[in-house]
């Protein structure tokens, strides 16, 4: 793999937009890093805010236009460097660039926090789903406890389950009309 050097506060955009994530170079030992030549590397001059440049690389308009300019054969189409020579952005003063970047950084932080909360809640749901579907809830709406009340549970092919529960196959569920149809996903019901 061929590599090339880049400096701190540079932004790398993959030449293959299907994996288009902008990478930011920070905390580099000796201020220099190396990356593949499969990236376009952008670096802000002293009269431009690097974070503002970063946010421009995230703009949907840039990405969509970049995709229309891709060259090469199918599967290996890349955004050519010439695209960046022609892509137009407004000339904005450095103070406004910083303010815009600060606003967008704040939104990114909120998104990051929200995504972390969503991931945490997905884990919580997975655990809750497991407990509810293996223990159930008692008449008071509390999770049944097989350690405190083993008399409320029985062995089954699925492990311990509440005594009043049964274990059925999907076919048995269909016979009892609990599930009325199974489709393979390729045909809509009206086409069968």
N, C-alpha and C. Protein backbone atom coordinates (compact mmCIF):
# COMPACT_ATOMS: atom_id res chain seq x y z
N UNK A 1 0.85 -1.17 0.00
CA UNK A 1 0.00 0.00 0.00
C UNK A 1 0.90 1.24 0.00
N UNK A 2 0.59 2.19 -0.84
CA UNK A 2 1.33 3.44 -0.91
C UNK A 2 0.79 4.39 0.14
N UNK A 3 1.69 5.08 0.84
CA UNK A 3 1.25 6.06 1.84
C UNK A 3 1.86 7.41 1.52
N UNK A 4 1.27 8.45 2.10
CA UNK A 4 1.81 9.79 1.95
C UNK A 4 1.64 10.52 3.28
N UNK A 5 2.54 11.48 3.54
CA UNK A 5 2.47 12.18 4.82
C UNK A 5 1.38 13.25 4.84
N UNK A 6 0.91 13.56 6.04
CA UNK A 6 -0.01 14.68 6.24
C UNK A 6 0.28 15.27 7.60
N UNK A 7 -0.17 16.50 7.81
CA UNK A 7 0.12 17.22 9.05
C UNK A 7 -1.13 17.35 9.90
N UNK A 8 -0.91 17.82 11.13
CA UNK A 8 -1.99 18.06 12.08
C UNK A 8 -3.02 19.00 11.47
N UNK A 9 -4.28 18.82 11.88
CA UNK A 9 -5.42 19.62 11.41
C UNK A 9 -5.62 19.53 9.90
N UNK A 10 -5.40 18.34 9.36
CA UNK A 10 -5.75 18.08 7.97
C UNK A 10 -6.96 17.16 7.99
N UNK A 11 -7.68 17.14 6.88
CA UNK A 11 -8.88 16.32 6.78
C UNK A 11 -8.75 15.44 5.56
N UNK A 12 -9.02 14.17 5.74
CA UNK A 12 -8.90 13.19 4.67
C UNK A 12 -10.27 12.72 4.24
N UNK A 13 -10.52 12.78 2.95
CA UNK A 13 -11.77 12.28 2.38
C UNK A 13 -11.44 11.12 1.46
N UNK A 14 -12.09 9.97 1.64
CA UNK A 14 -11.81 8.84 0.76
C UNK A 14 -12.19 9.16 -0.68
N UNK A 15 -11.42 8.62 -1.59
CA UNK A 15 -11.72 8.80 -3.01
C UNK A 15 -12.92 7.95 -3.42
N UNK A 16 -13.27 6.96 -2.59
CA UNK A 16 -14.41 6.09 -2.85
C UNK A 16 -15.56 6.54 -1.94
N UNK A 17 -16.51 7.34 -2.44
CA UNK A 17 -17.53 7.93 -1.58
C UNK A 17 -18.47 6.97 -0.88
N UNK A 18 -18.55 5.72 -1.29
CA UNK A 18 -19.47 4.82 -0.59
C UNK A 18 -19.05 4.64 0.86
N UNK A 19 -17.79 4.91 1.15
CA UNK A 19 -17.32 4.82 2.53
C UNK A 19 -16.91 6.21 3.02
N UNK A 20 -17.61 7.22 2.56
CA UNK A 20 -17.18 8.60 2.77
C UNK A 20 -17.36 9.05 4.21
N UNK A 21 -16.31 9.00 4.95
CA UNK A 21 -16.23 9.56 6.30
C UNK A 21 -15.00 10.44 6.30
N UNK A 22 -15.11 11.63 6.85
CA UNK A 22 -13.97 12.52 6.90
C UNK A 22 -13.17 12.20 8.14
N UNK A 23 -11.87 12.04 7.97
CA UNK A 23 -10.98 11.77 9.09
C UNK A 23 -10.21 13.04 9.42
N UNK A 24 -10.04 13.31 10.70
CA UNK A 24 -9.31 14.49 11.15
C UNK A 24 -7.99 14.03 11.76
N UNK A 25 -6.89 14.65 11.35
CA UNK A 25 -5.58 14.31 11.89
C UNK A 25 -5.29 15.21 13.09
N UNK A 26 -5.21 14.60 14.26
CA UNK A 26 -4.87 15.33 15.49
C UNK A 26 -3.91 14.47 16.31
N UNK A 27 -3.23 15.10 17.27
CA UNK A 27 -2.32 14.40 18.18
C UNK A 27 -1.32 13.51 17.44
N UNK A 28 -0.71 14.05 16.42
CA UNK A 28 0.26 13.28 15.66
C UNK A 28 1.64 13.42 16.30
N UNK A 29 2.35 12.32 16.42
CA UNK A 29 3.71 12.38 16.95
C UNK A 29 4.57 13.17 15.97
N UNK A 30 5.27 14.15 16.46
CA UNK A 30 6.09 15.05 15.63
C UNK A 30 5.27 15.84 14.62
N UNK A 31 3.94 15.84 14.77
CA UNK A 31 3.09 16.65 13.91
C UNK A 31 2.88 16.10 12.51
N UNK A 32 3.34 14.88 12.24
CA UNK A 32 3.21 14.30 10.90
C UNK A 32 2.63 12.89 11.03
N UNK A 33 1.73 12.56 10.11
CA UNK A 33 1.17 11.21 10.06
C UNK A 33 1.23 10.70 8.63
N UNK A 34 0.86 9.45 8.44
CA UNK A 34 0.87 8.86 7.11
C UNK A 34 -0.45 8.17 6.86
N UNK A 35 -0.89 8.21 5.62
CA UNK A 35 -2.14 7.55 5.24
C UNK A 35 -2.04 7.08 3.81
N UNK A 36 -3.01 6.32 3.41
CA UNK A 36 -3.06 5.78 2.06
C UNK A 36 -3.28 6.89 1.03
N UNK A 37 -2.90 6.62 -0.18
CA UNK A 37 -3.14 7.58 -1.27
C UNK A 37 -4.60 7.51 -1.74
N UNK A 38 -5.40 6.67 -1.10
CA UNK A 38 -6.82 6.56 -1.45
C UNK A 38 -7.65 7.65 -0.79
N UNK A 39 -7.00 8.71 -0.31
CA UNK A 39 -7.68 9.84 0.31
C UNK A 39 -7.28 11.13 -0.37
N UNK A 40 -8.19 12.07 -0.38
CA UNK A 40 -7.88 13.46 -0.72
C UNK A 40 -7.64 14.14 0.61
N UNK A 41 -6.52 14.84 0.74
CA UNK A 41 -6.17 15.48 2.00
C UNK A 41 -6.32 16.98 1.85
N UNK A 42 -7.14 17.59 2.72
CA UNK A 42 -7.38 19.03 2.71
C UNK A 42 -6.78 19.64 3.97
N UNK A 43 -6.09 20.77 3.84
CA UNK A 43 -5.53 21.45 5.01
C UNK A 43 -5.84 22.93 4.89
N UNK A 44 -6.34 23.50 5.98
CA UNK A 44 -6.70 24.92 6.00
C UNK A 44 -5.46 25.80 6.13
N UNK A 45 -5.49 26.93 5.44
CA UNK A 45 -4.44 27.93 5.61
C UNK A 45 -4.71 28.69 6.91
N UNK A 46 -3.80 29.57 7.28
CA UNK A 46 -3.93 30.29 8.55
C UNK A 46 -5.13 31.22 8.57
N UNK A 47 -5.61 31.65 7.42
CA UNK A 47 -6.78 32.55 7.39
C UNK A 47 -8.09 31.80 7.19
N UNK A 48 -8.07 30.50 7.45
CA UNK A 48 -9.29 29.68 7.37
C UNK A 48 -9.36 28.80 8.61
N UNK A 49 -10.56 28.56 9.08
CA UNK A 49 -10.76 27.73 10.26
C UNK A 49 -10.81 26.26 9.84
N UNK A 50 -9.92 25.41 10.40
CA UNK A 50 -9.91 24.01 9.99
C UNK A 50 -11.22 23.29 10.27
N UNK A 51 -11.90 23.65 11.36
CA UNK A 51 -13.17 23.00 11.67
C UNK A 51 -14.23 23.38 10.64
N UNK A 52 -14.18 24.61 10.15
CA UNK A 52 -15.11 25.05 9.10
C UNK A 52 -14.89 24.20 7.84
N UNK A 53 -13.62 24.01 7.48
CA UNK A 53 -13.29 23.16 6.32
C UNK A 53 -13.82 21.75 6.54
N UNK A 54 -13.61 21.24 7.75
CA UNK A 54 -14.12 19.90 8.07
C UNK A 54 -15.63 19.82 7.83
N UNK A 55 -16.37 20.80 8.32
CA UNK A 55 -17.82 20.76 8.15
C UNK A 55 -18.21 20.89 6.68
N UNK A 56 -17.44 21.61 5.89
CA UNK A 56 -17.75 21.66 4.46
C UNK A 56 -17.61 20.29 3.82
N UNK A 57 -16.63 19.51 4.32
CA UNK A 57 -16.46 18.17 3.75
C UNK A 57 -17.63 17.25 4.09
N UNK A 58 -18.42 17.64 5.10
CA UNK A 58 -19.57 16.85 5.50
C UNK A 58 -20.84 17.25 4.74
N UNK A 59 -20.78 18.35 4.01
CA UNK A 59 -21.96 18.89 3.35
C UNK A 59 -22.49 17.93 2.28
N UNK A 60 -23.79 17.74 2.31
CA UNK A 60 -24.45 16.84 1.35
C UNK A 60 -24.24 17.32 -0.08
N UNK A 61 -24.22 18.63 -0.28
CA UNK A 61 -24.02 19.15 -1.65
C UNK A 61 -22.66 18.74 -2.18
N UNK A 62 -21.62 18.82 -1.35
CA UNK A 62 -20.29 18.40 -1.79
C UNK A 62 -20.30 16.93 -2.13
N UNK A 63 -20.87 16.13 -1.27
CA UNK A 63 -20.86 14.69 -1.49
C UNK A 63 -21.63 14.28 -2.74
N UNK A 64 -22.81 14.87 -2.92
CA UNK A 64 -23.61 14.52 -4.10
C UNK A 64 -22.91 14.94 -5.38
N UNK A 65 -22.34 16.15 -5.39
CA UNK A 65 -21.63 16.58 -6.58
C UNK A 65 -20.39 15.73 -6.83
N UNK A 66 -19.71 15.33 -5.75
CA UNK A 66 -18.53 14.48 -5.88
C UNK A 66 -18.90 13.15 -6.53
N UNK A 67 -20.02 12.60 -6.13
CA UNK A 67 -20.45 11.32 -6.71
C UNK A 67 -20.75 11.44 -8.19
N UNK A 68 -21.24 12.59 -8.64
CA UNK A 68 -21.53 12.77 -10.07
C UNK A 68 -20.26 12.92 -10.89
N UNK A 69 -19.14 13.23 -10.25
CA UNK A 69 -17.88 13.45 -10.96
C UNK A 69 -16.93 12.26 -10.89
N UNK A 70 -17.41 11.17 -10.33
CA UNK A 70 -16.54 10.00 -10.16
C UNK A 70 -16.09 9.46 -11.51
N UNK A 71 -14.85 8.95 -11.55
CA UNK A 71 -14.30 8.36 -12.76
C UNK A 71 -13.81 6.95 -12.44
N UNK A 72 -13.61 6.15 -13.48
CA UNK A 72 -13.11 4.79 -13.29
C UNK A 72 -14.19 3.77 -13.57
N UNK A 73 -13.81 2.50 -13.43
CA UNK A 73 -14.74 1.41 -13.74
C UNK A 73 -15.63 1.12 -12.54
N UNK A 74 -16.71 0.42 -12.79
CA UNK A 74 -17.67 0.07 -11.73
C UNK A 74 -16.96 -0.63 -10.59
N UNK A 75 -17.33 -0.27 -9.36
CA UNK A 75 -16.73 -0.88 -8.19
C UNK A 75 -15.46 -0.19 -7.74
N UNK A 76 -14.80 0.49 -8.65
CA UNK A 76 -13.56 1.20 -8.31
C UNK A 76 -13.61 2.66 -8.74
N UNK A 77 -14.81 3.21 -8.81
CA UNK A 77 -14.97 4.60 -9.22
C UNK A 77 -14.51 5.52 -8.08
N UNK A 78 -13.75 6.53 -8.45
CA UNK A 78 -13.17 7.44 -7.46
C UNK A 78 -13.48 8.89 -7.81
N UNK A 79 -13.46 9.71 -6.78
CA UNK A 79 -13.61 11.15 -6.98
C UNK A 79 -12.23 11.69 -7.37
N UNK A 80 -12.10 12.31 -8.55
CA UNK A 80 -10.79 12.83 -8.96
C UNK A 80 -10.43 14.10 -8.20
N UNK A 81 -9.13 14.35 -8.05
CA UNK A 81 -8.65 15.55 -7.35
C UNK A 81 -9.16 16.82 -8.02
N UNK A 82 -9.34 16.79 -9.33
CA UNK A 82 -9.82 17.97 -10.07
C UNK A 82 -11.18 18.43 -9.59
N UNK A 83 -11.97 17.51 -9.02
CA UNK A 83 -13.27 17.90 -8.50
C UNK A 83 -13.13 19.03 -7.49
N UNK A 84 -12.15 18.92 -6.60
CA UNK A 84 -11.98 19.93 -5.55
C UNK A 84 -11.51 21.27 -6.13
N UNK A 85 -10.82 21.23 -7.26
CA UNK A 85 -10.41 22.47 -7.92
C UNK A 85 -11.62 23.24 -8.45
N UNK A 86 -12.68 22.53 -8.79
CA UNK A 86 -13.87 23.16 -9.39
C UNK A 86 -15.01 23.38 -8.40
N UNK A 87 -15.02 22.68 -7.28
CA UNK A 87 -16.12 22.79 -6.33
C UNK A 87 -16.10 24.17 -5.68
N UNK A 88 -17.22 24.85 -5.72
CA UNK A 88 -17.29 26.22 -5.20
C UNK A 88 -17.94 26.27 -3.82
N UNK A 89 -17.32 27.08 -2.96
CA UNK A 89 -17.88 27.34 -1.64
C UNK A 89 -17.84 28.85 -1.43
N UNK A 90 -18.72 29.38 -0.58
CA UNK A 90 -18.70 30.84 -0.37
C UNK A 90 -17.47 31.28 0.42
N UNK A 91 -16.97 32.46 0.11
CA UNK A 91 -15.86 33.03 0.85
C UNK A 91 -16.44 33.73 2.08
N UNK A 92 -16.12 33.21 3.24
CA UNK A 92 -16.68 33.70 4.50
C UNK A 92 -15.52 34.15 5.39
N UNK A 93 -15.70 35.27 6.07
CA UNK A 93 -14.66 35.77 6.97
C UNK A 93 -14.34 34.77 8.08
N UNK A 94 -13.10 34.84 8.59
CA UNK A 94 -12.62 33.87 9.58
C UNK A 94 -13.46 33.86 10.85
N UNK A 95 -13.92 35.02 11.32
CA UNK A 95 -14.75 35.06 12.53
C UNK A 95 -16.06 34.31 12.33
N UNK A 96 -16.69 34.53 11.17
CA UNK A 96 -17.94 33.84 10.89
C UNK A 96 -17.70 32.34 10.69
N UNK A 97 -16.57 31.99 10.06
CA UNK A 97 -16.22 30.57 9.90
C UNK A 97 -16.14 29.90 11.28
N UNK A 98 -15.46 30.56 12.21
CA UNK A 98 -15.30 29.99 13.55
C UNK A 98 -16.64 29.84 14.25
N UNK A 99 -17.50 30.84 14.08
CA UNK A 99 -18.81 30.80 14.72
C UNK A 99 -19.66 29.67 14.13
N UNK A 100 -19.64 29.56 12.81
CA UNK A 100 -20.38 28.48 12.13
C UNK A 100 -19.84 27.12 12.58
N UNK A 101 -18.51 26.98 12.61
CA UNK A 101 -17.89 25.72 13.03
C UNK A 101 -18.27 25.38 14.47
N UNK A 102 -18.31 26.40 15.34
CA UNK A 102 -18.66 26.17 16.75
C UNK A 102 -20.10 25.66 16.87
N UNK A 103 -21.00 26.26 16.10
CA UNK A 103 -22.40 25.81 16.12
C UNK A 103 -22.49 24.36 15.65
N UNK A 104 -21.83 24.06 14.53
CA UNK A 104 -21.89 22.70 13.98
C UNK A 104 -21.18 21.70 14.89
N UNK A 105 -20.09 22.13 15.55
CA UNK A 105 -19.42 21.25 16.53
C UNK A 105 -20.37 20.91 17.67
N UNK A 106 -21.13 21.91 18.12
CA UNK A 106 -22.10 21.70 19.20
C UNK A 106 -23.17 20.69 18.78
N UNK A 107 -23.67 20.83 17.56
CA UNK A 107 -24.67 19.89 17.05
C UNK A 107 -24.07 18.48 16.96
N UNK A 108 -22.82 18.39 16.47
CA UNK A 108 -22.15 17.09 16.39
C UNK A 108 -22.01 16.46 17.77
N UNK A 109 -21.70 17.27 18.77
CA UNK A 109 -21.57 16.75 20.14
C UNK A 109 -22.90 16.22 20.65
N UNK A 110 -23.98 16.96 20.38
CA UNK A 110 -25.31 16.52 20.80
C UNK A 110 -25.66 15.20 20.09
N UNK A 111 -25.33 15.12 18.80
CA UNK A 111 -25.58 13.87 18.05
C UNK A 111 -24.79 12.72 18.66
N UNK A 112 -23.53 12.98 19.00
CA UNK A 112 -22.67 11.95 19.59
C UNK A 112 -23.26 11.47 20.93
N UNK A 113 -23.69 12.41 21.76
CA UNK A 113 -24.29 12.05 23.05
C UNK A 113 -25.57 11.27 22.84
N UNK A 114 -26.39 11.72 21.89
CA UNK A 114 -27.66 11.04 21.59
C UNK A 114 -27.41 9.62 21.09
N UNK A 115 -26.42 9.46 20.20
CA UNK A 115 -26.11 8.12 19.68
C UNK A 115 -25.62 7.21 20.80
N UNK A 116 -24.84 7.76 21.74
CA UNK A 116 -24.38 6.96 22.89
C UNK A 116 -25.57 6.54 23.75
N UNK A 117 -26.52 7.46 23.95
CA UNK A 117 -27.73 7.12 24.72
C UNK A 117 -28.57 6.06 24.01
N UNK A 118 -28.69 6.19 22.70
CA UNK A 118 -29.45 5.20 21.92
C UNK A 118 -28.78 3.83 22.05
N UNK A 119 -27.45 3.78 21.93
CA UNK A 119 -26.73 2.51 22.07
C UNK A 119 -26.96 1.92 23.46
N UNK A 120 -26.91 2.77 24.47
CA UNK A 120 -27.13 2.31 25.85
C UNK A 120 -28.56 1.78 26.01
N UNK A 121 -29.53 2.49 25.44
CA UNK A 121 -30.92 2.04 25.54
C UNK A 121 -31.16 0.76 24.74
N UNK A 122 -30.45 0.58 23.64
CA UNK A 122 -30.57 -0.67 22.88
C UNK A 122 -30.07 -1.84 23.71
N UNK A 123 -28.96 -1.63 24.45
CA UNK A 123 -28.45 -2.68 25.33
C UNK A 123 -29.45 -2.96 26.45
N UNK A 124 -30.00 -1.90 27.01
CA UNK A 124 -31.00 -2.05 28.06
C UNK A 124 -32.20 -2.83 27.54
N UNK A 125 -32.65 -2.49 26.33
CA UNK A 125 -33.80 -3.20 25.75
C UNK A 125 -33.47 -4.67 25.53
N UNK A 126 -32.26 -4.95 25.03
CA UNK A 126 -31.89 -6.35 24.77
C UNK A 126 -31.92 -7.16 26.07
N UNK A 127 -31.39 -6.59 27.14
CA UNK A 127 -31.42 -7.28 28.43
C UNK A 127 -32.83 -7.45 28.95
N UNK A 128 -33.62 -6.39 28.84
CA UNK A 128 -35.01 -6.43 29.29
C UNK A 128 -35.82 -7.43 28.47
N UNK A 129 -35.59 -7.42 27.16
CA UNK A 129 -36.28 -8.36 26.27
C UNK A 129 -35.98 -9.80 26.68
N UNK A 130 -34.71 -10.07 26.95
CA UNK A 130 -34.33 -11.42 27.36
C UNK A 130 -35.04 -11.82 28.66
N UNK A 131 -34.99 -10.94 29.65
CA UNK A 131 -35.62 -11.27 30.93
C UNK A 131 -37.14 -11.40 30.82
N UNK A 132 -37.77 -10.50 30.09
CA UNK A 132 -39.23 -10.58 29.95
C UNK A 132 -39.66 -11.83 29.18
N UNK A 133 -38.87 -12.23 28.19
CA UNK A 133 -39.25 -13.39 27.38
C UNK A 133 -38.79 -14.71 27.96
N UNK A 134 -38.03 -14.67 29.06
CA UNK A 134 -37.64 -15.92 29.71
C UNK A 134 -38.21 -16.04 31.12
N UNK A 135 -38.52 -14.91 31.77
CA UNK A 135 -39.06 -14.94 33.12
C UNK A 135 -40.50 -14.46 33.21
N UNK A 136 -40.84 -13.49 32.36
CA UNK A 136 -42.18 -12.92 32.43
C UNK A 136 -42.32 -11.98 33.62
N UNK A 137 -43.53 -11.51 33.83
CA UNK A 137 -43.80 -10.61 34.95
C UNK A 137 -44.89 -11.22 35.83
N UNK A 138 -44.81 -10.89 37.11
CA UNK A 138 -45.79 -11.42 38.04
C UNK A 138 -47.07 -10.57 38.04
N UNK A 139 -48.01 -10.94 38.90
CA UNK A 139 -49.30 -10.24 38.93
C UNK A 139 -49.17 -8.78 39.37
N UNK A 140 -48.03 -8.42 39.97
CA UNK A 140 -47.78 -7.04 40.40
C UNK A 140 -47.00 -6.24 39.35
N UNK A 141 -46.74 -6.86 38.21
CA UNK A 141 -46.01 -6.18 37.15
C UNK A 141 -44.51 -6.18 37.33
N UNK A 142 -44.01 -7.04 38.23
CA UNK A 142 -42.57 -7.14 38.47
C UNK A 142 -42.01 -8.36 37.76
N UNK A 143 -40.74 -8.27 37.44
CA UNK A 143 -40.04 -9.39 36.81
C UNK A 143 -40.01 -10.57 37.77
N UNK A 144 -40.39 -11.75 37.27
CA UNK A 144 -40.33 -12.94 38.12
C UNK A 144 -38.87 -13.29 38.42
N UNK A 145 -38.64 -13.84 39.58
CA UNK A 145 -37.28 -14.15 40.02
C UNK A 145 -37.15 -15.65 40.27
N UNK A 146 -36.42 -16.37 39.39
CA UNK A 146 -36.30 -17.82 39.57
C UNK A 146 -35.46 -18.21 40.78
N UNK A 147 -34.63 -17.30 41.28
CA UNK A 147 -33.82 -17.62 42.46
C UNK A 147 -34.64 -17.49 43.75
N UNK A 148 -35.46 -16.47 43.83
CA UNK A 148 -36.29 -16.25 45.02
C UNK A 148 -37.52 -17.14 45.03
N UNK A 149 -38.04 -17.43 43.85
CA UNK A 149 -39.27 -18.23 43.75
C UNK A 149 -39.11 -19.34 42.71
N UNK A 150 -38.23 -20.32 43.00
CA UNK A 150 -38.01 -21.40 42.04
C UNK A 150 -39.28 -22.22 41.80
N UNK A 151 -40.20 -22.19 42.76
CA UNK A 151 -41.45 -22.95 42.61
C UNK A 151 -42.32 -22.41 41.48
N UNK A 152 -42.05 -21.19 41.02
CA UNK A 152 -42.84 -20.58 39.93
C UNK A 152 -42.31 -20.95 38.54
N UNK A 153 -41.21 -21.74 38.49
CA UNK A 153 -40.55 -22.04 37.22
C UNK A 153 -40.47 -23.54 36.97
N UNK A 154 -40.30 -23.88 35.70
CA UNK A 154 -40.12 -25.27 35.30
C UNK A 154 -39.03 -25.35 34.24
N UNK A 155 -38.44 -26.53 34.09
CA UNK A 155 -37.45 -26.74 33.03
C UNK A 155 -38.17 -26.87 31.69
N UNK A 156 -37.49 -26.43 30.64
CA UNK A 156 -38.04 -26.55 29.28
C UNK A 156 -36.87 -26.63 28.32
N UNK A 157 -37.13 -26.93 27.04
CA UNK A 157 -36.03 -26.93 26.05
C UNK A 157 -35.35 -25.56 25.94
N UNK A 158 -36.04 -24.50 26.40
CA UNK A 158 -35.48 -23.15 26.35
C UNK A 158 -34.79 -22.77 27.66
N UNK A 159 -34.77 -23.67 28.62
CA UNK A 159 -34.25 -23.36 29.95
C UNK A 159 -35.41 -23.16 30.90
N UNK A 160 -35.16 -22.52 32.05
CA UNK A 160 -36.22 -22.27 33.01
C UNK A 160 -37.21 -21.25 32.45
N UNK A 161 -38.51 -21.60 32.58
CA UNK A 161 -39.57 -20.67 32.17
C UNK A 161 -40.67 -20.74 33.23
N UNK A 162 -41.52 -19.72 33.30
CA UNK A 162 -42.64 -19.77 34.26
C UNK A 162 -43.50 -21.01 34.03
N UNK A 163 -44.00 -21.59 35.13
CA UNK A 163 -44.77 -22.84 35.07
C UNK A 163 -45.96 -22.77 34.13
N UNK A 164 -46.63 -21.62 34.05
CA UNK A 164 -47.83 -21.55 33.23
C UNK A 164 -47.54 -21.34 31.73
N UNK A 165 -46.27 -21.21 31.36
CA UNK A 165 -45.90 -21.03 29.96
C UNK A 165 -45.72 -22.39 29.29
N UNK A 166 -45.92 -22.41 27.97
CA UNK A 166 -45.63 -23.59 27.14
C UNK A 166 -44.57 -23.21 26.12
N UNK A 167 -43.92 -24.23 25.57
CA UNK A 167 -42.96 -24.03 24.48
C UNK A 167 -43.57 -24.66 23.25
N UNK A 168 -43.70 -23.87 22.19
CA UNK A 168 -44.29 -24.34 20.94
C UNK A 168 -43.35 -24.08 19.78
N UNK A 169 -43.50 -24.89 18.74
CA UNK A 169 -42.79 -24.59 17.49
C UNK A 169 -43.62 -23.56 16.72
N UNK A 170 -43.01 -22.97 15.71
CA UNK A 170 -43.75 -22.01 14.87
C UNK A 170 -44.92 -22.72 14.19
N UNK A 171 -44.70 -23.97 13.77
CA UNK A 171 -45.79 -24.73 13.14
C UNK A 171 -46.96 -24.90 14.11
N UNK A 172 -46.67 -25.21 15.37
CA UNK A 172 -47.73 -25.35 16.37
C UNK A 172 -48.44 -24.00 16.61
N UNK A 173 -47.69 -22.92 16.56
CA UNK A 173 -48.31 -21.59 16.70
C UNK A 173 -49.26 -21.32 15.54
N UNK A 174 -48.90 -21.79 14.34
CA UNK A 174 -49.78 -21.61 13.18
C UNK A 174 -51.04 -22.47 13.34
N UNK A 175 -50.88 -23.69 13.84
CA UNK A 175 -52.04 -24.55 14.04
C UNK A 175 -53.01 -23.94 15.04
N UNK A 176 -52.50 -23.23 16.03
CA UNK A 176 -53.35 -22.58 17.02
C UNK A 176 -53.77 -21.17 16.61
N UNK A 177 -53.40 -20.77 15.42
CA UNK A 177 -53.73 -19.45 14.89
C UNK A 177 -53.09 -18.30 15.68
N UNK A 178 -51.97 -18.58 16.33
CA UNK A 178 -51.21 -17.52 17.01
C UNK A 178 -50.43 -16.75 15.94
N UNK A 179 -49.89 -17.51 14.99
CA UNK A 179 -49.24 -16.95 13.79
C UNK A 179 -50.07 -17.46 12.63
N UNK A 180 -50.44 -16.57 11.72
CA UNK A 180 -51.33 -17.02 10.64
C UNK A 180 -50.63 -17.25 9.32
N UNK A 181 -49.39 -16.75 9.16
CA UNK A 181 -48.74 -16.91 7.87
C UNK A 181 -47.23 -16.75 8.03
N UNK A 182 -46.49 -17.48 7.21
CA UNK A 182 -45.04 -17.30 7.11
C UNK A 182 -44.74 -17.06 5.64
N UNK A 183 -43.99 -16.00 5.38
CA UNK A 183 -43.60 -15.69 4.01
C UNK A 183 -42.08 -15.73 3.91
N UNK A 184 -41.60 -16.04 2.71
CA UNK A 184 -40.15 -16.09 2.54
C UNK A 184 -39.54 -14.72 2.26
N UNK A 185 -40.37 -13.70 2.16
CA UNK A 185 -39.86 -12.36 1.95
C UNK A 185 -39.72 -11.98 0.48
N UNK A 186 -39.78 -12.95 -0.40
CA UNK A 186 -39.63 -12.66 -1.83
C UNK A 186 -40.94 -12.31 -2.51
N UNK A 187 -42.04 -12.80 -1.97
CA UNK A 187 -43.33 -12.58 -2.61
C UNK A 187 -44.30 -11.93 -1.62
N UNK A 188 -45.02 -10.96 -2.10
CA UNK A 188 -46.07 -10.37 -1.29
C UNK A 188 -47.21 -11.39 -1.21
N UNK A 189 -48.02 -11.38 -0.13
CA UNK A 189 -49.08 -12.38 0.04
C UNK A 189 -49.99 -12.49 -1.17
N UNK A 190 -50.31 -11.36 -1.81
CA UNK A 190 -51.23 -11.42 -2.95
C UNK A 190 -50.62 -12.09 -4.18
N UNK A 191 -49.29 -12.24 -4.21
CA UNK A 191 -48.63 -12.86 -5.35
C UNK A 191 -48.43 -14.34 -5.18
N UNK A 192 -48.75 -14.89 -4.02
CA UNK A 192 -48.53 -16.32 -3.78
C UNK A 192 -49.62 -17.16 -4.41
